[in-house]
Amino acid sequence: MKNLAQGYADEASQAFAIALRMARHQDTATDAVEAMKSRTTIDLAVGMIMGQNNCSQKRAVEILKAASSRRNIKLRQIAAALVAEKDLEAPTTHFEP
């Protein structure tokens, strides 16, 4: 009886481990899709920073990342706020998930 219960416990443990791995992969996939969707907005924000600061694309990305880090806000949210601040309509992207 004890061996049977141990067998069921082992099976349940393996199933739970698989479910956790699947959930992590789903989260990663969701994050990747969101990143691709927000790419246009981030690129617009980088361009705006380049124009405002007369700097390179690399420096503009550093500035955007630093603002994201200081405020503890996702990069795509900082970029969206910057674009929205200029009263630009919401950018569109051609990415199809």
PDB file of N, CA and C in Angstrom:
ATOM      1  N   MET A   1       0.817  -1.203   0.000  1.00  0.00           N
ATOM      2  CA  MET A   1       0.000   0.000   0.000  1.00  0.00           C
ATOM      3  C   MET A   1       0.861   1.267   0.000  1.00  0.00           C
ATOM      4  N   LYS A   2       1.949   1.211   0.824  1.00  0.00           N
ATOM      5  CA  LYS A   2       2.832   2.372   0.898  1.00  0.00           C
ATOM      6  C   LYS A   2       3.517   2.620  -0.446  1.00  0.00           C
ATOM      7  N   ASN A   3       3.936   1.572  -1.152  1.00  0.00           N
ATOM      8  CA  ASN A   3       4.579   1.722  -2.461  1.00  0.00           C
ATOM      9  C   ASN A   3       3.612   2.305  -3.488  1.00  0.00           C
ATOM     10  N   LEU A   4       2.349   1.916  -3.406  1.00  0.00           N
ATOM     11  CA  LEU A   4       1.336   2.439  -4.319  1.00  0.00           C
ATOM     12  C   LEU A   4       1.137   3.935  -4.100  1.00  0.00           C
ATOM     13  N   ALA A   5       1.060   4.326  -2.836  1.00  0.00           N
ATOM     14  CA  ALA A   5       0.891   5.746  -2.508  1.00  0.00           C
ATOM     15  C   ALA A   5       2.109   6.547  -2.957  1.00  0.00           C
ATOM     16  N   GLN A   6       3.307   5.982  -2.758  1.00  0.00           N
ATOM     17  CA  GLN A   6       4.528   6.657  -3.194  1.00  0.00           C
ATOM     18  C   GLN A   6       4.535   6.819  -4.716  1.00  0.00           C
ATOM     19  N   GLY A   7       4.065   5.809  -5.434  1.00  0.00           N
ATOM     20  CA  GLY A   7       3.991   5.871  -6.892  1.00  0.00           C
ATOM     21  C   GLY A   7       3.073   6.988  -7.350  1.00  0.00           C
ATOM     22  N   TYR A   8       1.906   7.101  -6.690  1.00  0.00           N
ATOM     23  CA  TYR A   8       0.974   8.182  -7.031  1.00  0.00           C
ATOM     24  C   TYR A   8       1.586   9.555  -6.727  1.00  0.00           C
ATOM     25  N   ALA A   9       2.286   9.632  -5.610  1.00  0.00           N
ATOM     26  CA  ALA A   9       2.924  10.900  -5.233  1.00  0.00           C
ATOM     27  C   ALA A   9       4.001  11.283  -6.252  1.00  0.00           C
ATOM     28  N   ASP A  10       4.775  10.302  -6.704  1.00  0.00           N
ATOM     29  CA  ASP A  10       5.803  10.576  -7.709  1.00  0.00           C
ATOM     30  C   ASP A  10       5.186  11.055  -9.018  1.00  0.00           C
ATOM     31  N   GLU A  11       4.118  10.398  -9.440  1.00  0.00           N
ATOM     32  CA  GLU A  11       3.430  10.795 -10.682  1.00  0.00           C
ATOM     33  C   GLU A  11       2.874  12.215 -10.562  1.00  0.00           C
ATOM     34  N   ALA A  12       2.273  12.523  -9.427  1.00  0.00           N
ATOM     35  CA  ALA A  12       1.710  13.858  -9.216  1.00  0.00           C
ATOM     36  C   ALA A  12       2.815  14.908  -9.215  1.00  0.00           C
ATOM     37  N   SER A  13       3.943  14.570  -8.616  1.00  0.00           N
ATOM     38  CA  SER A  13       5.077  15.496  -8.571  1.00  0.00           C
ATOM     39  C   SER A  13       5.595  15.779  -9.980  1.00  0.00           C
ATOM     40  N   GLN A  14       5.712  14.756 -10.795  1.00  0.00           N
ATOM     41  CA  GLN A  14       6.177  14.935 -12.166  1.00  0.00           C
ATOM     42  C   GLN A  14       5.191  15.767 -12.983  1.00  0.00           C
ATOM     43  N   ALA A  15       3.921  15.507 -12.804  1.00  0.00           N
ATOM     44  CA  ALA A  15       2.904  16.274 -13.534  1.00  0.00           C
ATOM     45  C   ALA A  15       2.946  17.748 -13.128  1.00  0.00           C
ATOM     46  N   PHE A  16       3.136  17.995 -11.842  1.00  0.00           N
ATOM     47  CA  PHE A  16       3.212  19.368 -11.346  1.00  0.00           C
ATOM     48  C   PHE A  16       4.444  20.082 -11.919  1.00  0.00           C
ATOM     49  N   ALA A  17       5.581  19.384 -11.972  1.00  0.00           N
ATOM     50  CA  ALA A  17       6.806  19.967 -12.521  1.00  0.00           C
ATOM     51  C   ALA A  17       6.620  20.318 -13.997  1.00  0.00           C
ATOM     52  N   ILE A  18       5.950  19.459 -14.744  1.00  0.00           N
ATOM     53  CA  ILE A  18       5.675  19.731 -16.159  1.00  0.00           C
ATOM     54  C   ILE A  18       4.766  20.945 -16.299  1.00  0.00           C
ATOM     55  N   ALA A  19       3.739  21.026 -15.462  1.00  0.00           N
ATOM     56  CA  ALA A  19       2.820  22.171 -15.512  1.00  0.00           C
ATOM     57  C   ALA A  19       3.554  23.478 -15.221  1.00  0.00           C
ATOM     58  N   LEU A  20       4.477  23.462 -14.268  1.00  0.00           N
ATOM     59  CA  LEU A  20       5.253  24.662 -13.957  1.00  0.00           C
ATOM     60  C   LEU A  20       6.135  25.071 -15.131  1.00  0.00           C
ATOM     61  N   ARG A  21       6.790  24.109 -15.772  1.00  0.00           N
ATOM     62  CA  ARG A  21       7.624  24.412 -16.938  1.00  0.00           C
ATOM     63  C   ARG A  21       6.789  24.997 -18.071  1.00  0.00           C
ATOM     64  N   MET A  22       5.615  24.429 -18.288  1.00  0.00           N
ATOM     65  CA  MET A  22       4.736  24.937 -19.349  1.00  0.00           C
ATOM     66  C   MET A  22       4.304  26.367 -19.050  1.00  0.00           C
ATOM     67  N   ALA A  23       3.989  26.658 -17.791  1.00  0.00           N
ATOM     68  CA  ALA A  23       3.573  28.011 -17.406  1.00  0.00           C
ATOM     69  C   ALA A  23       4.711  29.006 -17.632  1.00  0.00           C
ATOM     70  N   ARG A  24       5.944  28.601 -17.297  1.00  0.00           N
ATOM     71  CA  ARG A  24       7.089  29.497 -17.510  1.00  0.00           C
ATOM     72  C   ARG A  24       7.297  29.772 -18.996  1.00  0.00           C
ATOM     73  N   HIS A  25       7.160  28.753 -19.816  1.00  0.00           N
ATOM     74  CA  HIS A  25       7.319  28.938 -21.260  1.00  0.00           C
ATOM     75  C   HIS A  25       6.213  29.836 -21.825  1.00  0.00           C
ATOM     76  N   GLN A  26       5.008  29.686 -21.321  1.00  0.00           N
ATOM     77  CA  GLN A  26       3.903  30.529 -21.778  1.00  0.00           C
ATOM     78  C   GLN A  26       4.159  31.987 -21.411  1.00  0.00           C
ATOM     79  N   ASP A  27       4.658  32.219 -20.193  1.00  0.00           N
ATOM     80  CA  ASP A  27       4.985  33.582 -19.772  1.00  0.00           C
ATOM     81  C   ASP A  27       6.056  34.187 -20.667  1.00  0.00           C
ATOM     82  N   THR A  28       7.074  33.395 -20.997  1.00  0.00           N
ATOM     83  CA  THR A  28       8.144  33.862 -21.864  1.00  0.00           C
ATOM     84  C   THR A  28       7.603  34.202 -23.252  1.00  0.00           C
ATOM     85  N   ALA A  29       6.748  33.350 -23.779  1.00  0.00           N
ATOM     86  CA  ALA A  29       6.164  33.589 -25.107  1.00  0.00           C
ATOM     87  C   ALA A  29       5.300  34.843 -25.096  1.00  0.00           C
ATOM     88  N   THR A  30       4.517  35.022 -24.053  1.00  0.00           N
ATOM     89  CA  THR A  30       3.666  36.205 -23.932  1.00  0.00           C
ATOM     90  C   THR A  30       4.519  37.470 -23.875  1.00  0.00           C
ATOM     91  N   ASP A  31       5.600  37.432 -23.099  1.00  0.00           N
ATOM     92  CA  ASP A  31       6.494  38.587 -23.007  1.00  0.00           C
ATOM     93  C   ASP A  31       7.122  38.909 -24.364  1.00  0.00           C
ATOM     94  N   ALA A  32       7.486  37.883 -25.112  1.00  0.00           N
ATOM     95  CA  ALA A  32       8.097  38.098 -26.428  1.00  0.00           C
ATOM     96  C   ALA A  32       7.105  38.754 -27.391  1.00  0.00           C
ATOM     97  N   VAL A  33       5.869  38.307 -27.368  1.00  0.00           N
ATOM     98  CA  VAL A  33       4.839  38.896 -28.239  1.00  0.00           C
ATOM     99  C   VAL A  33       4.605  40.358 -27.852  1.00  0.00           C
ATOM    100  N   GLU A  34       4.526  40.639 -26.563  1.00  0.00           N
ATOM    101  CA  GLU A  34       4.331  42.018 -26.109  1.00  0.00           C
ATOM    102  C   GLU A  34       5.513  42.898 -26.514  1.00  0.00           C
ATOM    103  N   ALA A  35       6.719  42.355 -26.439  1.00  0.00           N
ATOM    104  CA  ALA A  35       7.900  43.116 -26.848  1.00  0.00           C
ATOM    105  C   ALA A  35       7.840  43.446 -28.332  1.00  0.00           C
ATOM    106  N   MET A  36       7.440  42.502 -29.138  1.00  0.00           N
ATOM    107  CA  MET A  36       7.345  42.750 -30.578  1.00  0.00           C
ATOM    108  C   MET A  36       6.258  43.777 -30.880  1.00  0.00           C
ATOM    109  N   LYS A  37       5.148  43.700 -30.175  1.00  0.00           N
ATOM    110  CA  LYS A  37       4.066  44.661 -30.397  1.00  0.00           C
ATOM    111  C   LYS A  37       4.496  46.079 -30.005  1.00  0.00           C
ATOM    112  N   SER A  38       5.311  46.192 -28.974  1.00  0.00           N
ATOM    113  CA  SER A  38       5.690  47.517 -28.482  1.00  0.00           C
ATOM    114  C   SER A  38       6.935  48.062 -29.170  1.00  0.00           C
ATOM    115  N   ARG A  39       7.508  47.304 -30.064  1.00  0.00           N
ATOM    116  CA  ARG A  39       8.745  47.716 -30.731  1.00  0.00           C
ATOM    117  C   ARG A  39       8.592  49.055 -31.457  1.00  0.00           C
ATOM    118  N   THR A  40       7.489  49.245 -32.150  1.00  0.00           N
ATOM    119  CA  THR A  40       7.266  50.492 -32.890  1.00  0.00           C
ATOM    120  C   THR A  40       7.241  51.680 -31.934  1.00  0.00           C
ATOM    121  N   THR A  41       6.544  51.534 -30.827  1.00  0.00           N
ATOM    122  CA  THR A  41       6.454  52.610 -29.837  1.00  0.00           C
ATOM    123  C   THR A  41       7.832  52.918 -29.262  1.00  0.00           C
ATOM    124  N   ILE A  42       8.593  51.879 -28.950  1.00  0.00           N
ATOM    125  CA  ILE A  42       9.935  52.084 -28.405  1.00  0.00           C
ATOM    126  C   ILE A  42      10.822  52.781 -29.434  1.00  0.00           C
ATOM    127  N   ASP A  43      10.736  52.358 -30.685  1.00  0.00           N
ATOM    128  CA  ASP A  43      11.533  53.003 -31.734  1.00  0.00           C
ATOM    129  C   ASP A  43      11.165  54.479 -31.892  1.00  0.00           C
ATOM    130  N   LEU A  44       9.873  54.794 -31.816  1.00  0.00           N
ATOM    131  CA  LEU A  44       9.454  56.201 -31.897  1.00  0.00           C
ATOM    132  C   LEU A  44      10.013  57.002 -30.728  1.00  0.00           C
ATOM    133  N   ALA A  45       9.935  56.435 -29.529  1.00  0.00           N
ATOM    134  CA  ALA A  45      10.442  57.128 -28.343  1.00  0.00           C
ATOM    135  C   ALA A  45      11.953  57.352 -28.461  1.00  0.00           C
ATOM    136  N   VAL A  46      12.670  56.359 -28.950  1.00  0.00           N
ATOM    137  CA  VAL A  46      14.117  56.497 -29.141  1.00  0.00           C
ATOM    138  C   VAL A  46      14.401  57.625 -30.134  1.00  0.00           C
ATOM    139  N   GLY A  47      13.650  57.670 -31.220  1.00  0.00           N
ATOM    140  CA  GLY A  47      13.819  58.739 -32.199  1.00  0.00           C
ATOM    141  C   GLY A  47      13.550  60.109 -31.600  1.00  0.00           C
ATOM    142  N   MET A  48      12.532  60.192 -30.758  1.00  0.00           N
ATOM    143  CA  MET A  48      12.220  61.465 -30.110  1.00  0.00           C
ATOM    144  C   MET A  48      13.358  61.899 -29.193  1.00  0.00           C
ATOM    145  N   ILE A  49      13.902  60.959 -28.440  1.00  0.00           N
ATOM    146  CA  ILE A  49      15.022  61.266 -27.540  1.00  0.00           C
ATOM    147  C   ILE A  49      16.244  61.700 -28.348  1.00  0.00           C
ATOM    148  N   MET A  50      16.483  61.020 -29.464  1.00  0.00           N
ATOM    149  CA  MET A  50      17.610  61.400 -30.327  1.00  0.00           C
ATOM    150  C   MET A  50      17.455  62.839 -30.811  1.00  0.00           C
ATOM    151  N   GLY A  51      16.236  63.204 -31.209  1.00  0.00           N
ATOM    152  CA  GLY A  51      15.985  64.560 -31.690  1.00  0.00           C
ATOM    153  C   GLY A  51      16.106  65.596 -30.592  1.00  0.00           C
ATOM    154  N   GLN A  52      15.590  65.279 -29.414  1.00  0.00           N
ATOM    155  CA  GLN A  52      15.618  66.228 -28.298  1.00  0.00           C
ATOM    156  C   GLN A  52      17.031  66.441 -27.761  1.00  0.00           C
ATOM    157  N   ASN A  53      17.832  65.383 -27.759  1.00  0.00           N
ATOM    158  CA  ASN A  53      19.152  65.439 -27.128  1.00  0.00           C
ATOM    159  C   ASN A  53      20.313  65.455 -28.119  1.00  0.00           C
ATOM    160  N   ASN A  54      19.963  65.438 -29.412  1.00  0.00           N
ATOM    161  CA  ASN A  54      20.996  65.420 -30.445  1.00  0.00           C
ATOM    162  C   ASN A  54      22.049  64.350 -30.142  1.00  0.00           C
ATOM    163  N   CYS A  55      21.552  63.119 -29.934  1.00  0.00           N
ATOM    164  CA  CYS A  55      22.443  62.034 -29.549  1.00  0.00           C
ATOM    165  C   CYS A  55      22.258  60.833 -30.479  1.00  0.00           C
ATOM    166  N   SER A  56      23.109  59.853 -30.300  1.00  0.00           N
ATOM    167  CA  SER A  56      23.044  58.637 -31.111  1.00  0.00           C
ATOM    168  C   SER A  56      21.882  57.746 -30.660  1.00  0.00           C
ATOM    169  N   GLN A  57      21.566  56.786 -31.503  1.00  0.00           N
ATOM    170  CA  GLN A  57      20.524  55.824 -31.151  1.00  0.00           C
ATOM    171  C   GLN A  57      20.924  55.050 -29.897  1.00  0.00           C
ATOM    172  N   LYS A  58      22.185  54.662 -29.815  1.00  0.00           N
ATOM    173  CA  LYS A  58      22.664  53.914 -28.652  1.00  0.00           C
ATOM    174  C   LYS A  58      22.464  54.722 -27.374  1.00  0.00           C
ATOM    175  N   ARG A  59      22.826  55.993 -27.421  1.00  0.00           N
ATOM    176  CA  ARG A  59      22.681  56.864 -26.231  1.00  0.00           C
ATOM    177  C   ARG A  59      21.206  57.053 -25.895  1.00  0.00           C
ATOM    178  N   ALA A  60      20.371  57.209 -26.905  1.00  0.00           N
ATOM    179  CA  ALA A  60      18.936  57.389 -26.660  1.00  0.00           C
ATOM    180  C   ALA A  60      18.343  56.151 -25.986  1.00  0.00           C
ATOM    181  N   VAL A  61      18.755  54.968 -26.413  1.00  0.00           N
ATOM    182  CA  VAL A  61      18.275  53.732 -25.780  1.00  0.00           C
ATOM    183  C   VAL A  61      18.751  53.683 -24.335  1.00  0.00           C
ATOM    184  N   GLU A  62      19.996  54.085 -24.086  1.00  0.00           N
ATOM    185  CA  GLU A  62      20.514  54.124 -22.708  1.00  0.00           C
ATOM    186  C   GLU A  62      19.684  55.059 -21.843  1.00  0.00           C
ATOM    187  N   ILE A  63      19.327  56.210 -22.377  1.00  0.00           N
ATOM    188  CA  ILE A  63      18.512  57.181 -21.638  1.00  0.00           C
ATOM    189  C   ILE A  63      17.143  56.586 -21.319  1.00  0.00           C
ATOM    190  N   LEU A  64      16.530  55.951 -22.294  1.00  0.00           N
ATOM    191  CA  LEU A  64      15.212  55.340 -22.099  1.00  0.00           C
ATOM    192  C   LEU A  64      15.283  54.221 -21.069  1.00  0.00           C
ATOM    193  N   LYS A  65      16.314  53.383 -21.158  1.00  0.00           N
ATOM    194  CA  LYS A  65      16.479  52.289 -20.195  1.00  0.00           C
ATOM    195  C   LYS A  65      16.727  52.822 -18.786  1.00  0.00           C
ATOM    196  N   ALA A  66      17.508  53.880 -18.682  1.00  0.00           N
ATOM    197  CA  ALA A  66      17.787  54.472 -17.368  1.00  0.00           C
ATOM    198  C   ALA A  66      16.503  55.016 -16.742  1.00  0.00           C
ATOM    199  N   ALA A  67      15.674  55.658 -17.552  1.00  0.00           N
ATOM    200  CA  ALA A  67      14.397  56.182 -17.039  1.00  0.00           C
ATOM    201  C   ALA A  67      13.498  55.033 -16.583  1.00  0.00           C
ATOM    202  N   SER A  68      13.494  53.965 -17.341  1.00  0.00           N
ATOM    203  CA  SER A  68      12.704  52.783 -16.987  1.00  0.00           C
ATOM    204  C   SER A  68      13.181  52.198 -15.665  1.00  0.00           C
ATOM    205  N   SER A  69      14.484  52.097 -15.523  1.00  0.00           N
ATOM    206  CA  SER A  69      15.067  51.523 -14.307  1.00  0.00           C
ATOM    207  C   SER A  69      14.820  52.405 -13.084  1.00  0.00           C
ATOM    208  N   ARG A  70      15.037  53.706 -13.232  1.00  0.00           N
ATOM    209  CA  ARG A  70      14.837  54.632 -12.104  1.00  0.00           C
ATOM    210  C   ARG A  70      13.399  54.621 -11.605  1.00  0.00           C
ATOM    211  N   ARG A  71      12.464  54.538 -12.528  1.00  0.00           N
ATOM    212  CA  ARG A  71      11.050  54.589 -12.152  1.00  0.00           C
ATOM    213  C   ARG A  71      10.454  53.216 -11.882  1.00  0.00           C
ATOM    214  N   ASN A  72      11.253  52.170 -12.162  1.00  0.00           N
ATOM    215  CA  ASN A  72      10.791  50.793 -12.005  1.00  0.00           C
ATOM    216  C   ASN A  72       9.510  50.547 -12.816  1.00  0.00           C
ATOM    217  N   ILE A  73       9.557  51.000 -14.062  1.00  0.00           N
ATOM    218  CA  ILE A  73       8.443  50.855 -15.002  1.00  0.00           C
ATOM    219  C   ILE A  73       8.998  50.187 -16.247  1.00  0.00           C
ATOM    220  N   LYS A  74       8.216  49.316 -16.833  1.00  0.00           N
ATOM    221  CA  LYS A  74       8.669  48.613 -18.038  1.00  0.00           C
ATOM    222  C   LYS A  74       9.035  49.607 -19.133  1.00  0.00           C
ATOM    223  N   LEU A  75      10.033  49.239 -19.907  1.00  0.00           N
ATOM    224  CA  LEU A  75      10.527  50.087 -20.983  1.00  0.00           C
ATOM    225  C   LEU A  75       9.412  50.474 -21.943  1.00  0.00           C
ATOM    226  N   ARG A  76       8.563  49.518 -22.302  1.00  0.00           N
ATOM    227  CA  ARG A  76       7.484  49.803 -23.253  1.00  0.00           C
ATOM    228  C   ARG A  76       6.483  50.805 -22.682  1.00  0.00           C
ATOM    229  N   GLN A  77       6.301  50.808 -21.361  1.00  0.00           N
ATOM    230  CA  GLN A  77       5.381  51.767 -20.745  1.00  0.00           C
ATOM    231  C   GLN A  77       5.970  53.175 -20.739  1.00  0.00           C
ATOM    232  N   ILE A  78       7.267  53.280 -20.464  1.00  0.00           N
ATOM    233  CA  ILE A  78       7.938  54.586 -20.515  1.00  0.00           C
ATOM    234  C   ILE A  78       7.873  55.141 -21.937  1.00  0.00           C
ATOM    235  N   ALA A  79       8.136  54.280 -22.915  1.00  0.00           N
ATOM    236  CA  ALA A  79       8.112  54.707 -24.319  1.00  0.00           C
ATOM    237  C   ALA A  79       6.709  55.170 -24.709  1.00  0.00           C
ATOM    238  N   ALA A  80       5.694  54.419 -24.308  1.00  0.00           N
ATOM    239  CA  ALA A  80       4.310  54.786 -24.637  1.00  0.00           C
ATOM    240  C   ALA A  80       3.939  56.134 -24.010  1.00  0.00           C
ATOM    241  N   ALA A  81       4.384  56.351 -22.783  1.00  0.00           N
ATOM    242  CA  ALA A  81       4.085  57.621 -22.109  1.00  0.00           C
ATOM    243  C   ALA A  81       4.760  58.790 -22.838  1.00  0.00           C
ATOM    244  N   LEU A  82       5.992  58.585 -23.282  1.00  0.00           N
ATOM    245  CA  LEU A  82       6.717  59.629 -23.999  1.00  0.00           C
ATOM    246  C   LEU A  82       6.032  59.963 -25.320  1.00  0.00           C
ATOM    247  N   VAL A  83       5.618  58.943 -26.048  1.00  0.00           N
ATOM    248  CA  VAL A  83       4.925  59.155 -27.328  1.00  0.00           C
ATOM    249  C   VAL A  83       3.580  59.838 -27.086  1.00  0.00           C
ATOM    250  N   ALA A  84       2.849  59.390 -26.081  1.00  0.00           N
ATOM    251  CA  ALA A  84       1.537  59.970 -25.768  1.00  0.00           C
ATOM    252  C   ALA A  84       1.663  61.428 -25.322  1.00  0.00           C
ATOM    253  N   GLU A  85       2.762  61.757 -24.659  1.00  0.00           N
ATOM    254  CA  GLU A  85       3.002  63.118 -24.180  1.00  0.00           C
ATOM    255  C   GLU A  85       3.046  64.127 -25.322  1.00  0.00           C
ATOM    256  N   LYS A  86       3.438  63.680 -26.490  1.00  0.00           N
ATOM    257  CA  LYS A  86       3.519  64.556 -27.662  1.00  0.00           C
ATOM    258  C   LYS A  86       2.218  64.567 -28.458  1.00  0.00           C
ATOM    259  N   ASP A  87       1.176  64.003 -27.894  1.00  0.00           N
ATOM    260  CA  ASP A  87      -0.145  63.951 -28.530  1.00  0.00           C
ATOM    261  C   ASP A  87      -0.117  63.253 -29.885  1.00  0.00           C
ATOM    262  N   LEU A  88       0.759  62.297 -30.012  1.00  0.00           N
ATOM    263  CA  LEU A  88       0.783  61.503 -31.238  1.00  0.00           C
ATOM    264  C   LEU A  88      -0.258  60.395 -31.103  1.00  0.00           C
ATOM    265  N   GLU A  89      -0.860  60.037 -32.208  1.00  0.00           N
ATOM    266  CA  GLU A  89      -1.822  58.942 -32.117  1.00  0.00           C
ATOM    267  C   GLU A  89      -1.058  57.647 -31.859  1.00  0.00           C
ATOM    268  N   ALA A  90      -1.759  56.692 -31.312  1.00  0.00           N
ATOM    269  CA  ALA A  90      -1.119  55.431 -30.955  1.00  0.00           C
ATOM    270  C   ALA A  90      -0.466  54.814 -32.189  1.00  0.00           C
ATOM    271  N   PRO A  91       0.809  54.486 -32.082  1.00  0.00           N
ATOM    272  CA  PRO A  91       1.495  53.912 -33.251  1.00  0.00           C
ATOM    273  C   PRO A  91       0.964  52.519 -33.560  1.00  0.00           C
ATOM    274  N   THR A  92       1.052  52.174 -34.799  1.00  0.00           N
ATOM    275  CA  THR A  92       0.629  50.837 -35.213  1.00  0.00           C
ATOM    276  C   THR A  92       1.864  50.060 -35.630  1.00  0.00           C
ATOM    277  N   THR A  93       1.735  48.780 -35.571  1.00  0.00           N
ATOM    278  CA  THR A  93       2.827  47.900 -35.976  1.00  0.00           C
ATOM    279  C   THR A  93       2.299  46.853 -36.925  1.00  0.00           C
ATOM    280  N   HIS A  94       3.165  46.293 -37.689  1.00  0.00           N
ATOM    281  CA  HIS A  94       2.753  45.298 -38.665  1.00  0.00           C
ATOM    282  C   HIS A  94       3.049  43.883 -38.192  1.00  0.00           C
ATOM    283  N   PHE A  95       3.417  43.750 -36.917  1.00  0.00           N
ATOM    284  CA  PHE A  95       3.707  42.435 -36.368  1.00  0.00           C
ATOM    285  C   PHE A  95       2.434  41.640 -36.198  1.00  0.00           C
ATOM    286  N   GLU A  96       2.434  40.435 -36.697  1.00  0.00           N
ATOM    287  CA  GLU A  96       1.280  39.542 -36.555  1.00  0.00           C
ATOM    288  C   GLU A  96       1.693  38.352 -35.695  1.00  0.00           C
ATOM    289  N   PRO A  97       1.169  38.254 -34.474  1.00  0.00           N
ATOM    290  CA  PRO A  97       1.564  37.144 -33.594  1.00  0.00           C
ATOM    291  C   PRO A  97       1.081  35.809 -34.116  1.00  0.00           C
TER     292      PRO A  97
END
